[in-house]
């Protein structure tokens, strides 16, 4: 939800570019976790696969937030805050996959 709120400040011309891509990547994180969890009963390996897909989306959010800040669409705090959350979420995802 934070990504949606923060990206409202980006230029309207980026709604189908960086804004849209960043939002889709952020939604993809939770969507893949949820989808993988629903398959957990059948196979922990499949759940793990979805967690790694979610991790890829987390990496994409980080990369896109760096770009948005570097081109001047977002303040430096956006990049710093996203990097902090990136590290937290990455640790959680690796923690879950290591327990499977």
N, C-alpha and C. Protein backbone atom coordinates (compact mmCIF):
# COMPACT_ATOMS: atom_id res chain seq x y z
N UNK A 1 0.83 -1.19 0.00
CA UNK A 1 0.00 0.00 0.00
C UNK A 1 0.88 1.25 0.00
N UNK A 2 2.02 1.15 0.65
CA UNK A 2 2.92 2.29 0.70
C UNK A 2 3.43 2.68 -0.68
N UNK A 3 3.72 1.70 -1.50
CA UNK A 3 4.19 1.97 -2.86
C UNK A 3 3.10 2.73 -3.63
N UNK A 4 1.85 2.32 -3.48
CA UNK A 4 0.77 3.02 -4.16
C UNK A 4 0.69 4.46 -3.70
N UNK A 5 0.75 4.68 -2.40
CA UNK A 5 0.66 6.04 -1.86
C UNK A 5 1.83 6.89 -2.33
N UNK A 6 3.02 6.33 -2.28
CA UNK A 6 4.22 7.09 -2.65
C UNK A 6 4.25 7.41 -4.15
N UNK A 7 3.81 6.48 -4.97
CA UNK A 7 3.91 6.70 -6.41
C UNK A 7 2.85 7.66 -6.94
N UNK A 8 1.89 8.04 -6.11
CA UNK A 8 0.93 9.06 -6.53
C UNK A 8 1.62 10.38 -6.85
N UNK A 9 2.79 10.60 -6.28
CA UNK A 9 3.54 11.85 -6.51
C UNK A 9 4.33 11.83 -7.81
N UNK A 10 4.40 10.68 -8.45
CA UNK A 10 5.19 10.59 -9.69
C UNK A 10 4.44 11.25 -10.84
N UNK A 11 5.17 11.66 -11.88
CA UNK A 11 4.52 12.32 -13.02
C UNK A 11 3.47 11.43 -13.67
N UNK A 12 2.39 12.05 -14.10
CA UNK A 12 1.30 11.33 -14.77
C UNK A 12 1.81 10.61 -16.02
N UNK A 13 2.84 11.17 -16.64
CA UNK A 13 3.40 10.56 -17.85
C UNK A 13 4.02 9.19 -17.58
N UNK A 14 4.28 8.86 -16.32
CA UNK A 14 4.89 7.58 -15.96
C UNK A 14 3.87 6.54 -15.50
N UNK A 15 2.58 6.87 -15.58
CA UNK A 15 1.56 5.94 -15.07
C UNK A 15 1.63 4.58 -15.77
N UNK A 16 2.00 4.57 -17.04
CA UNK A 16 2.13 3.30 -17.77
C UNK A 16 3.59 2.85 -17.86
N UNK A 17 4.47 3.61 -17.25
CA UNK A 17 5.89 3.29 -17.25
C UNK A 17 6.34 2.86 -15.86
N UNK A 18 7.19 3.65 -15.27
CA UNK A 18 7.78 3.31 -13.97
C UNK A 18 6.73 3.15 -12.87
N UNK A 19 5.74 4.03 -12.84
CA UNK A 19 4.71 3.94 -11.79
C UNK A 19 3.99 2.60 -11.87
N UNK A 20 3.51 2.26 -13.04
CA UNK A 20 2.78 1.01 -13.21
C UNK A 20 3.64 -0.20 -12.93
N UNK A 21 4.86 -0.18 -13.41
CA UNK A 21 5.77 -1.31 -13.20
C UNK A 21 6.08 -1.50 -11.72
N UNK A 22 6.32 -0.39 -11.04
CA UNK A 22 6.62 -0.45 -9.60
C UNK A 22 5.43 -0.99 -8.82
N UNK A 23 4.26 -0.53 -9.16
CA UNK A 23 3.05 -1.02 -8.48
C UNK A 23 2.81 -2.49 -8.75
N UNK A 24 2.97 -2.91 -9.99
CA UNK A 24 2.77 -4.33 -10.31
C UNK A 24 3.77 -5.22 -9.58
N UNK A 25 5.01 -4.77 -9.50
CA UNK A 25 6.03 -5.56 -8.81
C UNK A 25 5.70 -5.68 -7.33
N UNK A 26 5.24 -4.60 -6.72
CA UNK A 26 4.89 -4.63 -5.29
C UNK A 26 3.72 -5.57 -5.03
N UNK A 27 2.71 -5.51 -5.88
CA UNK A 27 1.56 -6.40 -5.74
C UNK A 27 1.97 -7.85 -5.97
N UNK A 28 2.90 -8.07 -6.87
CA UNK A 28 3.36 -9.41 -7.19
C UNK A 28 4.00 -10.10 -5.98
N UNK A 29 4.64 -9.33 -5.11
CA UNK A 29 5.26 -9.93 -3.92
C UNK A 29 4.20 -10.65 -3.10
N UNK A 30 3.17 -9.92 -2.69
CA UNK A 30 2.15 -10.53 -1.83
C UNK A 30 1.32 -11.57 -2.58
N UNK A 31 1.09 -11.33 -3.86
CA UNK A 31 0.30 -12.29 -4.64
C UNK A 31 1.00 -13.64 -4.74
N UNK A 32 2.30 -13.63 -4.96
CA UNK A 32 3.04 -14.89 -5.06
C UNK A 32 3.16 -15.59 -3.72
N UNK A 33 3.30 -14.85 -2.64
CA UNK A 33 3.32 -15.46 -1.32
C UNK A 33 1.99 -16.15 -1.06
N UNK A 34 0.89 -15.45 -1.36
CA UNK A 34 -0.44 -16.01 -1.13
C UNK A 34 -0.69 -17.24 -2.01
N UNK A 35 -0.33 -17.14 -3.28
CA UNK A 35 -0.55 -18.27 -4.18
C UNK A 35 0.28 -19.47 -3.75
N UNK A 36 1.52 -19.23 -3.39
CA UNK A 36 2.37 -20.32 -2.94
C UNK A 36 1.86 -20.97 -1.66
N UNK A 37 1.37 -20.13 -0.75
CA UNK A 37 0.85 -20.66 0.51
C UNK A 37 -0.35 -21.57 0.27
N UNK A 38 -1.17 -21.21 -0.70
CA UNK A 38 -2.35 -22.03 -0.98
C UNK A 38 -1.95 -23.40 -1.53
N UNK A 39 -0.77 -23.50 -2.09
CA UNK A 39 -0.28 -24.76 -2.65
C UNK A 39 0.58 -25.54 -1.67
N UNK A 40 0.81 -24.96 -0.50
CA UNK A 40 1.69 -25.56 0.50
C UNK A 40 1.24 -26.96 0.91
N UNK A 41 -0.06 -27.17 0.96
CA UNK A 41 -0.57 -28.47 1.38
C UNK A 41 -0.15 -29.57 0.41
N UNK A 42 -0.04 -29.22 -0.86
CA UNK A 42 0.33 -30.21 -1.87
C UNK A 42 1.84 -30.43 -1.95
N UNK A 43 2.61 -29.34 -1.80
CA UNK A 43 4.04 -29.46 -1.99
C UNK A 43 4.77 -28.26 -1.40
N UNK A 44 5.68 -28.53 -0.47
CA UNK A 44 6.48 -27.43 0.08
C UNK A 44 7.46 -26.92 -0.98
N UNK A 45 7.84 -27.77 -1.92
CA UNK A 45 8.74 -27.34 -2.99
C UNK A 45 8.06 -26.30 -3.88
N UNK A 46 6.78 -26.49 -4.13
CA UNK A 46 6.05 -25.53 -4.95
C UNK A 46 5.87 -24.21 -4.19
N UNK A 47 5.59 -24.30 -2.91
CA UNK A 47 5.50 -23.09 -2.08
C UNK A 47 6.82 -22.33 -2.12
N UNK A 48 7.90 -23.06 -2.01
CA UNK A 48 9.24 -22.45 -2.05
C UNK A 48 9.48 -21.76 -3.39
N UNK A 49 9.03 -22.37 -4.47
CA UNK A 49 9.18 -21.78 -5.80
C UNK A 49 8.48 -20.42 -5.87
N UNK A 50 7.27 -20.35 -5.31
CA UNK A 50 6.54 -19.08 -5.31
C UNK A 50 7.21 -18.05 -4.41
N UNK A 51 7.82 -18.50 -3.32
CA UNK A 51 8.55 -17.57 -2.46
C UNK A 51 9.75 -16.97 -3.19
N UNK A 52 10.41 -17.77 -4.01
CA UNK A 52 11.53 -17.25 -4.79
C UNK A 52 11.05 -16.29 -5.89
N UNK A 53 9.87 -16.55 -6.43
CA UNK A 53 9.30 -15.61 -7.40
C UNK A 53 9.00 -14.29 -6.68
N UNK A 54 8.45 -14.37 -5.47
CA UNK A 54 8.18 -13.17 -4.67
C UNK A 54 9.48 -12.42 -4.39
N UNK A 55 10.54 -13.15 -4.12
CA UNK A 55 11.84 -12.53 -3.89
C UNK A 55 12.32 -11.78 -5.14
N UNK A 56 12.08 -12.35 -6.29
CA UNK A 56 12.42 -11.67 -7.53
C UNK A 56 11.65 -10.36 -7.67
N UNK A 57 10.39 -10.37 -7.26
CA UNK A 57 9.59 -9.15 -7.31
C UNK A 57 10.08 -8.12 -6.31
N UNK A 58 10.54 -8.56 -5.15
CA UNK A 58 11.12 -7.65 -4.16
C UNK A 58 12.36 -6.98 -4.75
N UNK A 59 13.18 -7.76 -5.42
CA UNK A 59 14.36 -7.20 -6.08
C UNK A 59 13.97 -6.19 -7.16
N UNK A 60 12.90 -6.49 -7.85
CA UNK A 60 12.42 -5.57 -8.89
C UNK A 60 11.95 -4.26 -8.27
N UNK A 61 11.23 -4.33 -7.16
CA UNK A 61 10.77 -3.11 -6.47
C UNK A 61 11.97 -2.27 -6.06
N UNK A 62 12.99 -2.92 -5.52
CA UNK A 62 14.20 -2.19 -5.10
C UNK A 62 14.85 -1.50 -6.30
N UNK A 63 15.02 -2.23 -7.37
CA UNK A 63 15.65 -1.68 -8.57
C UNK A 63 14.85 -0.50 -9.12
N UNK A 64 13.55 -0.66 -9.21
CA UNK A 64 12.69 0.39 -9.75
C UNK A 64 12.67 1.62 -8.84
N UNK A 65 12.70 1.40 -7.53
CA UNK A 65 12.73 2.55 -6.62
C UNK A 65 14.04 3.31 -6.76
N UNK A 66 15.13 2.58 -7.00
CA UNK A 66 16.41 3.24 -7.25
C UNK A 66 16.33 4.11 -8.50
N UNK A 67 15.74 3.56 -9.55
CA UNK A 67 15.61 4.31 -10.80
C UNK A 67 14.74 5.55 -10.60
N UNK A 68 13.59 5.37 -9.94
CA UNK A 68 12.68 6.49 -9.72
C UNK A 68 13.35 7.62 -8.97
N UNK A 69 14.18 7.27 -8.01
CA UNK A 69 14.91 8.29 -7.24
C UNK A 69 16.02 8.88 -8.08
N UNK A 70 16.77 8.05 -8.78
CA UNK A 70 17.91 8.53 -9.55
C UNK A 70 17.50 9.48 -10.68
N UNK A 71 16.33 9.28 -11.27
CA UNK A 71 15.89 10.18 -12.34
C UNK A 71 15.16 11.41 -11.79
N UNK A 72 14.99 11.46 -10.47
CA UNK A 72 14.41 12.64 -9.84
C UNK A 72 12.91 12.63 -9.66
N UNK A 73 12.26 11.48 -9.89
CA UNK A 73 10.81 11.40 -9.71
C UNK A 73 10.42 11.27 -8.25
N UNK A 74 11.30 10.70 -7.45
CA UNK A 74 11.01 10.46 -6.03
C UNK A 74 12.14 11.04 -5.19
N UNK A 75 11.83 11.42 -3.94
CA UNK A 75 12.88 11.95 -3.06
C UNK A 75 13.84 10.85 -2.61
N UNK A 76 15.00 11.25 -2.15
CA UNK A 76 16.01 10.28 -1.68
C UNK A 76 15.48 9.41 -0.56
N UNK A 77 14.58 9.94 0.24
CA UNK A 77 14.00 9.17 1.35
C UNK A 77 13.22 7.96 0.84
N UNK A 78 12.63 8.08 -0.32
CA UNK A 78 11.89 6.96 -0.91
C UNK A 78 12.82 5.79 -1.15
N UNK A 79 13.97 6.08 -1.74
CA UNK A 79 14.97 5.04 -2.01
C UNK A 79 15.46 4.43 -0.70
N UNK A 80 15.75 5.28 0.29
CA UNK A 80 16.26 4.79 1.58
C UNK A 80 15.21 3.93 2.28
N UNK A 81 13.96 4.39 2.30
CA UNK A 81 12.88 3.63 2.96
C UNK A 81 12.64 2.30 2.24
N UNK A 82 12.66 2.33 0.92
CA UNK A 82 12.45 1.10 0.15
C UNK A 82 13.58 0.11 0.40
N UNK A 83 14.80 0.61 0.49
CA UNK A 83 15.94 -0.28 0.75
C UNK A 83 15.83 -0.93 2.13
N UNK A 84 15.35 -0.20 3.12
CA UNK A 84 15.16 -0.77 4.46
C UNK A 84 14.11 -1.88 4.40
N UNK A 85 12.99 -1.59 3.77
CA UNK A 85 11.93 -2.60 3.65
C UNK A 85 12.39 -3.79 2.82
N UNK A 86 13.17 -3.52 1.79
CA UNK A 86 13.72 -4.59 0.95
C UNK A 86 14.51 -5.57 1.80
N UNK A 87 15.39 -5.06 2.64
CA UNK A 87 16.21 -5.94 3.49
C UNK A 87 15.34 -6.74 4.45
N UNK A 88 14.32 -6.11 5.02
CA UNK A 88 13.42 -6.80 5.96
C UNK A 88 12.66 -7.93 5.27
N UNK A 89 12.07 -7.61 4.13
CA UNK A 89 11.26 -8.59 3.41
C UNK A 89 12.13 -9.71 2.87
N UNK A 90 13.30 -9.37 2.37
CA UNK A 90 14.23 -10.38 1.86
C UNK A 90 14.59 -11.37 2.97
N UNK A 91 14.89 -10.87 4.16
CA UNK A 91 15.22 -11.75 5.29
C UNK A 91 14.05 -12.64 5.65
N UNK A 92 12.83 -12.09 5.64
CA UNK A 92 11.65 -12.90 5.96
C UNK A 92 11.46 -14.01 4.93
N UNK A 93 11.58 -13.66 3.65
CA UNK A 93 11.38 -14.67 2.61
C UNK A 93 12.44 -15.77 2.67
N UNK A 94 13.69 -15.38 2.89
CA UNK A 94 14.74 -16.40 3.03
C UNK A 94 14.51 -17.24 4.28
N UNK A 95 14.02 -16.61 5.34
CA UNK A 95 13.73 -17.34 6.57
C UNK A 95 12.67 -18.41 6.36
N UNK A 96 11.61 -18.05 5.64
CA UNK A 96 10.53 -19.01 5.36
C UNK A 96 11.06 -20.14 4.48
N UNK A 97 11.80 -19.80 3.43
CA UNK A 97 12.27 -20.84 2.52
C UNK A 97 13.26 -21.78 3.22
N UNK A 98 14.06 -21.26 4.14
CA UNK A 98 14.99 -22.11 4.86
C UNK A 98 14.29 -23.08 5.81
N UNK A 99 13.09 -22.73 6.25
CA UNK A 99 12.35 -23.62 7.15
C UNK A 99 11.57 -24.70 6.41
N UNK A 100 11.46 -24.52 5.09
CA UNK A 100 10.68 -25.53 4.32
C UNK A 100 11.55 -26.73 3.95
